[in-house]
Amino acid sequence: MGRVIALIYGLAAYGAFFAVFLYMIGFVGNMLVPKSIDSGAPSPLGQALLINLGLAGLFAVQHSVMARPAFKSWWTRFVPKPVERSTFVLASSLILALLFWQWRPMPAIVWEVEQPVAAAALSGLFFLGWLIVLYASFIIDHFDLFGLRQVFLYFRNRPYAHPPFAVRSLYRIVRHPLMVGFLIAVWATPVMTVGHLTLALLLTGYILVGVTLEERDLVRHVGADYDRYRSQTPMFLPSLPKRKSPATPELGGRAVP
């Protein structure tokens, strides 16, 4: 693949991701987008549930399978390595766009917080969750995570190397702050419908499975540093600070969400 074409392709894939990311905020938050999680004519509950489960399952399978090293090793026989990550990002973005388009609302209310201060606090948590997602992606190298670094290096005819394993900022508190941000964003709502609850449960289940698979890959890739990091840092919930022993080694390297 030509370097200019690879760069254009990577930029287009990143643009698709960013558009879908912004739309997802409106979709989950029921605001500013033509089709949100609770908008549209409801289908029969059983039909809506089956369709929504299928859409979420399609994303989970694509996202998990394409992220595995064994699949990447096979996939890059056909897809040039410089655009492998961009292709993953583009495929994920397109499937999420399909989910937004075909999602069936299930509008029955599970809970509704009417107290103004509590409702405002939940809305604030919703936006905080998305900010954590974005911030955490920059801690670990946002542009590498979404494929831009790979295509820019290829465009400049420079070799690619994975960023070194490093523990910084939020990654000193929990191992997966990016996923924590998603969980906060999808659960923090003053009005929880059956459809919203379904998405929240599906996303939570996917995250639990996904980070387990990811950590298995990281142990193989990083080795003892990641094992040590995993033993010292909680997965999702911050623990009370512990006094660090002088013998405790500092961790180096990249923490991948």
C-alpha atoms as a PDB file:
ATOM      1  CA  MET A   1       0.000   0.000   0.000  1.00  0.00           C
ATOM      2  CA  GLY A   2       1.327   3.444  -0.919  1.00  0.00           C
ATOM      3  CA  ARG A   3       2.349   5.683   1.959  1.00  0.00           C
ATOM      4  CA  VAL A   4       0.017   8.520   0.962  1.00  0.00           C
ATOM      5  CA  ILE A   5      -2.926   6.139   0.588  1.00  0.00           C
ATOM      6  CA  ALA A   6      -2.144   4.569   3.964  1.00  0.00           C
ATOM      7  CA  LEU A   7      -2.050   8.011   5.582  1.00  0.00           C
ATOM      8  CA  ILE A   8      -5.376   9.048   4.024  1.00  0.00           C
ATOM      9  CA  TYR A   9      -6.922   5.727   5.053  1.00  0.00           C
ATOM     10  CA  GLY A  10      -5.671   6.123   8.637  1.00  0.00           C
ATOM     11  CA  LEU A  11      -6.998   9.679   8.851  1.00  0.00           C
ATOM     12  CA  ALA A  12     -10.375   8.572   7.494  1.00  0.00           C
ATOM     13  CA  ALA A  13     -10.556   5.713  10.010  1.00  0.00           C
ATOM     14  CA  TYR A  14      -9.704   8.102  12.845  1.00  0.00           C
ATOM     15  CA  GLY A  15     -12.332  10.573  11.599  1.00  0.00           C
ATOM     16  CA  ALA A  16     -14.916   7.780  11.610  1.00  0.00           C
ATOM     17  CA  PHE A  17     -13.949   6.835  15.161  1.00  0.00           C
ATOM     18  CA  PHE A  18     -14.183  10.415  16.437  1.00  0.00           C
ATOM     19  CA  ALA A  19     -17.583  10.970  14.799  1.00  0.00           C
ATOM     20  CA  VAL A  20     -18.900   7.731  16.313  1.00  0.00           C
ATOM     21  CA  PHE A  21     -17.437   8.601  19.721  1.00  0.00           C
ATOM     22  CA  LEU A  22     -19.209  11.971  19.757  1.00  0.00           C
ATOM     23  CA  TYR A  23     -22.433  10.371  18.532  1.00  0.00           C
ATOM     24  CA  MET A  24     -22.203   7.741  21.277  1.00  0.00           C
ATOM     25  CA  ILE A  25     -22.251  10.457  23.926  1.00  0.00           C
ATOM     26  CA  GLY A  26     -25.494  11.822  22.478  1.00  0.00           C
ATOM     27  CA  PHE A  27     -26.889   8.321  21.913  1.00  0.00           C
ATOM     28  CA  VAL A  28     -26.406   7.184  25.516  1.00  0.00           C
ATOM     29  CA  GLY A  29     -27.331  10.590  26.940  1.00  0.00           C
ATOM     30  CA  ASN A  30     -30.493  11.016  24.821  1.00  0.00           C
ATOM     31  CA  MET A  31     -29.465  14.411  23.499  1.00  0.00           C
ATOM     32  CA  LEU A  32     -28.491  16.269  20.327  1.00  0.00           C
ATOM     33  CA  VAL A  33     -28.639  13.265  17.978  1.00  0.00           C
ATOM     34  CA  PRO A  34     -31.465  12.133  15.667  1.00  0.00           C
ATOM     35  CA  LYS A  35     -31.479   8.562  17.033  1.00  0.00           C
ATOM     36  CA  SER A  36     -30.739   7.904  20.696  1.00  0.00           C
ATOM     37  CA  ILE A  37     -31.027   4.947  23.030  1.00  0.00           C
ATOM     38  CA  ASP A  38     -34.628   5.741  23.999  1.00  0.00           C
ATOM     39  CA  SER A  39     -35.924   7.466  20.858  1.00  0.00           C
ATOM     40  CA  GLY A  40     -38.058   5.993  18.115  1.00  0.00           C
ATOM     41  CA  ALA A  41     -41.134   3.794  18.010  1.00  0.00           C
ATOM     42  CA  PRO A  42     -40.774   0.831  20.389  1.00  0.00           C
ATOM     43  CA  SER A  43     -40.942  -2.736  19.070  1.00  0.00           C
ATOM     44  CA  PRO A  44     -42.402  -5.680  20.993  1.00  0.00           C
ATOM     45  CA  LEU A  45     -40.149  -6.263  24.014  1.00  0.00           C
ATOM     46  CA  GLY A  46     -38.962  -9.731  22.991  1.00  0.00           C
ATOM     47  CA  GLN A  47     -38.135  -8.630  19.461  1.00  0.00           C
ATOM     48  CA  ALA A  48     -36.343  -5.511  20.672  1.00  0.00           C
ATOM     49  CA  LEU A  49     -34.305  -7.499  23.161  1.00  0.00           C
ATOM     50  CA  LEU A  50     -33.203 -10.062  20.577  1.00  0.00           C
ATOM     51  CA  ILE A  51     -32.184  -7.392  18.064  1.00  0.00           C
ATOM     52  CA  ASN A  52     -30.277  -5.384  20.667  1.00  0.00           C
ATOM     53  CA  LEU A  53     -28.511  -8.483  21.981  1.00  0.00           C
ATOM     54  CA  GLY A  54     -27.521  -9.380  18.429  1.00  0.00           C
ATOM     55  CA  LEU A  55     -26.127  -5.914  17.739  1.00  0.00           C
ATOM     56  CA  ALA A  56     -24.153  -5.854  20.979  1.00  0.00           C
ATOM     57  CA  GLY A  57     -22.916  -9.388  20.389  1.00  0.00           C
ATOM     58  CA  LEU A  58     -21.712  -8.475  16.896  1.00  0.00           C
ATOM     59  CA  PHE A  59     -19.648  -5.615  18.320  1.00  0.00           C
ATOM     60  CA  ALA A  60     -18.266  -7.764  21.155  1.00  0.00           C
ATOM     61  CA  VAL A  61     -17.160 -10.549  18.798  1.00  0.00           C
ATOM     62  CA  GLN A  62     -15.573  -8.164  16.278  1.00  0.00           C
ATOM     63  CA  HIS A  63     -13.835  -6.088  18.926  1.00  0.00           C
ATOM     64  CA  SER A  64     -12.512  -9.045  20.914  1.00  0.00           C
ATOM     65  CA  VAL A  65     -11.460 -11.263  18.011  1.00  0.00           C
ATOM     66  CA  MET A  66      -9.698  -8.533  16.016  1.00  0.00           C
ATOM     67  CA  ALA A  67      -7.778  -7.431  19.128  1.00  0.00           C
ATOM     68  CA  ARG A  68      -6.214 -10.847  19.761  1.00  0.00           C
ATOM     69  CA  PRO A  69      -2.564 -11.345  18.743  1.00  0.00           C
ATOM     70  CA  ALA A  70      -3.334 -14.627  16.950  1.00  0.00           C
ATOM     71  CA  PHE A  71      -5.910 -12.913  14.741  1.00  0.00           C
ATOM     72  CA  LYS A  72      -3.561 -10.004  14.046  1.00  0.00           C
ATOM     73  CA  SER A  73      -0.835 -12.414  12.998  1.00  0.00           C
ATOM     74  CA  TRP A  74      -3.217 -14.032  10.492  1.00  0.00           C
ATOM     75  CA  TRP A  75      -4.935 -10.798   9.446  1.00  0.00           C
ATOM     76  CA  THR A  76      -1.721  -9.004   8.528  1.00  0.00           C
ATOM     77  CA  ARG A  77      -1.079 -11.548   5.812  1.00  0.00           C
ATOM     78  CA  PHE A  78      -3.783  -9.704   3.881  1.00  0.00           C
ATOM     79  CA  VAL A  79      -3.880  -6.246   5.478  1.00  0.00           C
ATOM     80  CA  PRO A  80      -0.627  -4.230   5.524  1.00  0.00           C
ATOM     81  CA  LYS A  81       0.709  -3.873   9.069  1.00  0.00           C
ATOM     82  CA  PRO A  82       0.803  -0.035   9.017  1.00  0.00           C
ATOM     83  CA  VAL A  83      -3.002   0.084   8.560  1.00  0.00           C
ATOM     84  CA  GLU A  84      -3.936  -2.948  10.693  1.00  0.00           C
ATOM     85  CA  ARG A  85      -4.892  -0.797  13.684  1.00  0.00           C
ATOM     86  CA  SER A  86      -6.758   1.688  11.499  1.00  0.00           C
ATOM     87  CA  THR A  87      -8.719  -1.178   9.966  1.00  0.00           C
ATOM     88  CA  PHE A  88      -9.638  -2.418  13.451  1.00  0.00           C
ATOM     89  CA  VAL A  89     -10.735   1.094  14.443  1.00  0.00           C
ATOM     90  CA  LEU A  90     -12.788   1.521  11.262  1.00  0.00           C
ATOM     91  CA  ALA A  91     -14.512  -1.861  11.657  1.00  0.00           C
ATOM     92  CA  SER A  92     -15.378  -1.086  15.290  1.00  0.00           C
ATOM     93  CA  SER A  93     -16.719   2.345  14.318  1.00  0.00           C
ATOM     94  CA  LEU A  94     -18.914   0.951  11.541  1.00  0.00           C
ATOM     95  CA  ILE A  95     -20.411  -1.713  13.792  1.00  0.00           C
ATOM     96  CA  LEU A  96     -21.133   0.864  16.486  1.00  0.00           C
ATOM     97  CA  ALA A  97     -22.804   3.053  13.854  1.00  0.00           C
ATOM     98  CA  LEU A  98     -24.936   0.047  12.874  1.00  0.00           C
ATOM     99  CA  LEU A  99     -25.846  -0.471  16.540  1.00  0.00           C
ATOM    100  CA  PHE A 100     -26.932   3.167  16.909  1.00  0.00           C
ATOM    101  CA  TRP A 101     -28.997   2.972  13.722  1.00  0.00           C
ATOM    102  CA  GLN A 102     -30.737  -0.320  14.429  1.00  0.00           C
ATOM    103  CA  TRP A 103     -31.056  -0.166  18.228  1.00  0.00           C
ATOM    104  CA  ARG A 104     -34.629  -0.766  19.380  1.00  0.00           C
ATOM    105  CA  PRO A 105     -35.841   1.413  22.254  1.00  0.00           C
ATOM    106  CA  MET A 106     -37.289  -0.256  25.343  1.00  0.00           C
ATOM    107  CA  PRO A 107     -38.751   2.795  27.093  1.00  0.00           C
ATOM    108  CA  ALA A 108     -40.179   1.287  30.309  1.00  0.00           C
ATOM    109  CA  ILE A 109     -38.621   3.171  33.226  1.00  0.00           C
ATOM    110  CA  VAL A 110     -36.508   1.254  35.746  1.00  0.00           C
ATOM    111  CA  TRP A 111     -35.684   4.284  37.865  1.00  0.00           C
ATOM    112  CA  GLU A 112     -36.141   8.042  37.615  1.00  0.00           C
ATOM    113  CA  VAL A 113     -34.385  10.509  39.895  1.00  0.00           C
ATOM    114  CA  GLU A 114     -36.555  13.586  40.288  1.00  0.00           C
ATOM    115  CA  GLN A 115     -34.645  15.400  43.035  1.00  0.00           C
ATOM    116  CA  PRO A 116     -32.890  18.208  41.101  1.00  0.00           C
ATOM    117  CA  VAL A 117     -29.524  18.087  42.869  1.00  0.00           C
ATOM    118  CA  ALA A 118     -29.250  14.289  42.604  1.00  0.00           C
ATOM    119  CA  ALA A 119     -30.325  14.362  38.950  1.00  0.00           C
ATOM    120  CA  ALA A 120     -27.740  17.053  38.180  1.00  0.00           C
ATOM    121  CA  ALA A 121     -25.058  15.035  39.992  1.00  0.00           C
ATOM    122  CA  LEU A 122     -25.810  11.977  37.878  1.00  0.00           C
ATOM    123  CA  SER A 123     -25.699  14.058  34.700  1.00  0.00           C
ATOM    124  CA  GLY A 124     -22.367  15.476  35.833  1.00  0.00           C
ATOM    125  CA  LEU A 125     -21.034  11.962  36.406  1.00  0.00           C
ATOM    126  CA  PHE A 126     -22.171  11.038  32.897  1.00  0.00           C
ATOM    127  CA  PHE A 127     -19.995  13.750  31.342  1.00  0.00           C
ATOM    128  CA  LEU A 128     -17.140  13.016  33.751  1.00  0.00           C
ATOM    129  CA  GLY A 129     -17.136   9.412  32.547  1.00  0.00           C
ATOM    130  CA  TRP A 130     -16.611  10.473  28.930  1.00  0.00           C
ATOM    131  CA  LEU A 131     -13.861  12.893  29.957  1.00  0.00           C
ATOM    132  CA  ILE A 132     -12.104  10.047  31.796  1.00  0.00           C
ATOM    133  CA  VAL A 133     -12.353   7.884  28.663  1.00  0.00           C
ATOM    134  CA  LEU A 134     -10.747  10.572  26.519  1.00  0.00           C
ATOM    135  CA  TYR A 135      -8.121  11.535  29.086  1.00  0.00           C
ATOM    136  CA  ALA A 136      -7.125   7.916  29.740  1.00  0.00           C
ATOM    137  CA  SER A 137      -6.634   7.342  26.012  1.00  0.00           C
ATOM    138  CA  PHE A 138      -4.107  10.194  25.889  1.00  0.00           C
ATOM    139  CA  ILE A 139      -2.211   8.866  28.909  1.00  0.00           C
ATOM    140  CA  ILE A 140      -1.379   5.659  27.039  1.00  0.00           C
ATOM    141  CA  ASP A 141      -0.869   7.322  23.603  1.00  0.00           C
ATOM    142  CA  HIS A 142      -4.175   8.232  21.998  1.00  0.00           C
ATOM    143  CA  PHE A 143      -2.786   8.355  18.468  1.00  0.00           C
ATOM    144  CA  ASP A 144      -1.182   4.926  18.694  1.00  0.00           C
ATOM    145  CA  LEU A 145      -4.378   3.467  20.179  1.00  0.00           C
ATOM    146  CA  PHE A 146      -6.410   4.667  17.187  1.00  0.00           C
ATOM    147  CA  GLY A 147      -3.889   3.936  14.451  1.00  0.00           C
ATOM    148  CA  LEU A 148      -2.665   7.413  13.520  1.00  0.00           C
ATOM    149  CA  ARG A 149       0.867   6.975  14.834  1.00  0.00           C
ATOM    150  CA  GLN A 150       1.319   3.829  12.757  1.00  0.00           C
ATOM    151  CA  VAL A 151       0.321   5.441   9.463  1.00  0.00           C
ATOM    152  CA  PHE A 152       2.306   8.636  10.131  1.00  0.00           C
ATOM    153  CA  LEU A 153       5.461   6.632  10.827  1.00  0.00           C
ATOM    154  CA  TYR A 154       4.860   4.609   7.669  1.00  0.00           C
ATOM    155  CA  PHE A 155       4.277   7.817   5.692  1.00  0.00           C
ATOM    156  CA  ARG A 156       7.622   9.152   6.946  1.00  0.00           C
ATOM    157  CA  ASN A 157       9.335   5.815   6.213  1.00  0.00           C
ATOM    158  CA  ARG A 158      10.202   5.229   9.866  1.00  0.00           C
ATOM    159  CA  PRO A 159       9.971   1.881  11.666  1.00  0.00           C
ATOM    160  CA  TYR A 160       7.137   1.286  14.119  1.00  0.00           C
ATOM    161  CA  ALA A 161       7.727   0.144  17.691  1.00  0.00           C
ATOM    162  CA  HIS A 162       5.143  -0.334  20.425  1.00  0.00           C
ATOM    163  CA  PRO A 163       5.233   2.434  23.029  1.00  0.00           C
ATOM    164  CA  PRO A 164       7.118   1.272  26.140  1.00  0.00           C
ATOM    165  CA  PHE A 165       5.095  -0.039  29.051  1.00  0.00           C
ATOM    166  CA  ALA A 166       4.570   2.828  31.516  1.00  0.00           C
ATOM    167  CA  VAL A 167       2.348   3.482  34.511  1.00  0.00           C
ATOM    168  CA  ARG A 168       1.233   7.085  34.738  1.00  0.00           C
ATOM    169  CA  SER A 169      -1.516   9.249  36.186  1.00  0.00           C
ATOM    170  CA  LEU A 170      -4.844   7.388  36.443  1.00  0.00           C
ATOM    171  CA  TYR A 171      -3.092   4.093  35.669  1.00  0.00           C
ATOM    172  CA  ARG A 172      -1.407   4.346  39.064  1.00  0.00           C
ATOM    173  CA  ILE A 173      -4.850   4.226  40.680  1.00  0.00           C
ATOM    174  CA  VAL A 174      -6.605   1.529  38.614  1.00  0.00           C
ATOM    175  CA  ARG A 175      -5.438  -0.726  35.796  1.00  0.00           C
ATOM    176  CA  HIS A 176      -8.272   0.163  33.408  1.00  0.00           C
ATOM    177  CA  PRO A 177      -9.344   3.803  33.894  1.00  0.00           C
ATOM    178  CA  LEU A 178     -10.583   4.019  30.295  1.00  0.00           C
ATOM    179  CA  MET A 179     -13.069   1.234  30.990  1.00  0.00           C
ATOM    180  CA  VAL A 180     -13.976   2.813  34.322  1.00  0.00           C
ATOM    181  CA  GLY A 181     -14.911   5.935  32.370  1.00  0.00           C
ATOM    182  CA  PHE A 182     -17.181   3.938  30.078  1.00  0.00           C
ATOM    183  CA  LEU A 183     -18.866   2.261  33.059  1.00  0.00           C
ATOM    184  CA  ILE A 184     -19.490   5.592  34.780  1.00  0.00           C
ATOM    185  CA  ALA A 185     -20.884   7.119  31.572  1.00  0.00           C
ATOM    186  CA  VAL A 186     -23.273   4.296  30.804  1.00  0.00           C
ATOM    187  CA  TRP A 187     -24.599   3.832  34.364  1.00  0.00           C
ATOM    188  CA  ALA A 188     -24.822   7.476  35.492  1.00  0.00           C
ATOM    189  CA  THR A 189     -28.255   8.626  34.372  1.00  0.00           C
ATOM    190  CA  PRO A 190     -31.197  10.193  36.197  1.00  0.00           C
ATOM    191  CA  VAL A 191     -33.613   8.197  34.017  1.00  0.00           C
ATOM    192  CA  MET A 192     -32.817   4.518  33.504  1.00  0.00           C
ATOM    193  CA  THR A 193     -35.010   2.743  30.964  1.00  0.00           C
ATOM    194  CA  VAL A 194     -35.055  -0.962  30.201  1.00  0.00           C
ATOM    195  CA  GLY A 195     -33.207  -0.235  26.951  1.00  0.00           C
ATOM    196  CA  HIS A 196     -30.528   1.811  28.722  1.00  0.00           C
ATOM    197  CA  LEU A 197     -30.200  -0.849  31.416  1.00  0.00           C
ATOM    198  CA  THR A 198     -29.793  -3.520  28.738  1.00  0.00           C
ATOM    199  CA  LEU A 199     -26.947  -1.595  27.115  1.00  0.00           C
ATOM    200  CA  ALA A 200     -25.325  -0.920  30.504  1.00  0.00           C
ATOM    201  CA  LEU A 201     -25.431  -4.596  31.465  1.00  0.00           C
ATOM    202  CA  LEU A 202     -24.133  -5.733  28.085  1.00  0.00           C
ATOM    203  CA  LEU A 203     -21.288  -3.213  28.136  1.00  0.00           C
ATOM    204  CA  THR A 204     -20.365  -4.172  31.698  1.00  0.00           C
ATOM    205  CA  GLY A 205     -20.285  -7.868  30.815  1.00  0.00           C
ATOM    206  CA  TYR A 206     -18.227  -7.200  27.712  1.00  0.00           C
ATOM    207  CA  ILE A 207     -15.721  -5.084  29.647  1.00  0.00           C
ATOM    208  CA  LEU A 208     -15.253  -7.775  32.299  1.00  0.00           C
ATOM    209  CA  VAL A 209     -14.568 -10.409  29.658  1.00  0.00           C
ATOM    210  CA  GLY A 210     -12.531  -8.089  27.446  1.00  0.00           C
ATOM    211  CA  VAL A 211     -10.101  -6.902  30.128  1.00  0.00           C
ATOM    212  CA  THR A 212      -9.543 -10.491  31.266  1.00  0.00           C
ATOM    213  CA  LEU A 213      -8.493 -11.472  27.736  1.00  0.00           C
ATOM    214  CA  GLU A 214      -6.450  -8.306  27.354  1.00  0.00           C
ATOM    215  CA  GLU A 215      -4.554  -8.824  30.589  1.00  0.00           C
ATOM    216  CA  ARG A 216      -3.705 -12.363  29.538  1.00  0.00           C
ATOM    217  CA  ASP A 217      -2.163 -10.927  26.352  1.00  0.00           C
ATOM    218  CA  LEU A 218      -0.330  -8.220  28.310  1.00  0.00           C
ATOM    219  CA  VAL A 219       1.240 -10.751  30.667  1.00  0.00           C
ATOM    220  CA  ARG A 220       2.565 -12.620  27.629  1.00  0.00           C
ATOM    221  CA  HIS A 221       3.789  -9.444  25.944  1.00  0.00           C
ATOM    222  CA  VAL A 222       5.165  -7.438  28.882  1.00  0.00           C
ATOM    223  CA  GLY A 223       5.988 -10.244  31.325  1.00  0.00           C
ATOM    224  CA  ALA A 224       7.009  -9.714  34.939  1.00  0.00           C
ATOM    225  CA  ASP A 225       6.473  -5.930  34.908  1.00  0.00           C
ATOM    226  CA  TYR A 226       2.789  -6.355  34.144  1.00  0.00           C
ATOM    227  CA  ASP A 227       2.406  -9.183  36.656  1.00  0.00           C
ATOM    228  CA  ARG A 228       3.878  -6.909  39.317  1.00  0.00           C
ATOM    229  CA  TYR A 229       1.676  -4.005  38.220  1.00  0.00           C
ATOM    230  CA  ARG A 230      -1.402  -6.235  38.348  1.00  0.00           C
ATOM    231  CA  SER A 231      -0.558  -7.399  41.862  1.00  0.00           C
ATOM    232  CA  GLN A 232      -0.171  -3.815  43.135  1.00  0.00           C
ATOM    233  CA  THR A 233      -2.993  -1.981  41.340  1.00  0.00           C
ATOM    234  CA  PRO A 234      -6.736  -2.769  41.450  1.00  0.00           C
ATOM    235  CA  MET A 235      -8.602  -3.423  38.211  1.00  0.00           C
ATOM    236  CA  PHE A 236     -11.484  -0.930  38.482  1.00  0.00           C
ATOM    237  CA  LEU A 237     -12.071   0.296  42.034  1.00  0.00           C
ATOM    238  CA  PRO A 238      -9.361   2.398  43.700  1.00  0.00           C
ATOM    239  CA  SER A 239      -8.137   1.025  47.000  1.00  0.00           C
ATOM    240  CA  LEU A 240      -6.942   2.960  50.015  1.00  0.00           C
ATOM    241  CA  PRO A 241      -3.366   4.140  49.527  1.00  0.00           C
ATOM    242  CA  LYS A 242      -0.723   1.863  50.975  1.00  0.00           C
ATOM    243  CA  ARG A 243       2.602   2.917  52.321  1.00  0.00           C
ATOM    244  CA  LYS A 244       5.169   1.854  49.755  1.00  0.00           C
ATOM    245  CA  SER A 245       7.971  -0.310  50.997  1.00  0.00           C
ATOM    246  CA  PRO A 246      11.456   0.904  50.055  1.00  0.00           C
ATOM    247  CA  ALA A 247      11.955  -2.469  48.374  1.00  0.00           C
ATOM    248  CA  THR A 248       8.962  -2.046  46.090  1.00  0.00           C
ATOM    249  CA  PRO A 249      10.225  -1.584  42.505  1.00  0.00           C
ATOM    250  CA  GLU A 250       8.959   1.171  40.292  1.00  0.00           C
ATOM    251  CA  LEU A 251       6.986  -0.081  37.320  1.00  0.00           C
ATOM    252  CA  GLY A 252       7.890   0.919  33.839  1.00  0.00           C
ATOM    253  CA  GLY A 253       5.986   0.525  30.645  1.00  0.00           C
ATOM    254  CA  ARG A 254       2.749   1.057  28.902  1.00  0.00           C
ATOM    255  CA  ALA A 255      -0.625   0.359  30.493  1.00  0.00           C
ATOM    256  CA  VAL A 256      -3.059  -0.582  27.728  1.00  0.00           C
ATOM    257  CA  PRO A 257      -6.803  -0.106  28.411  1.00  0.00           C
END
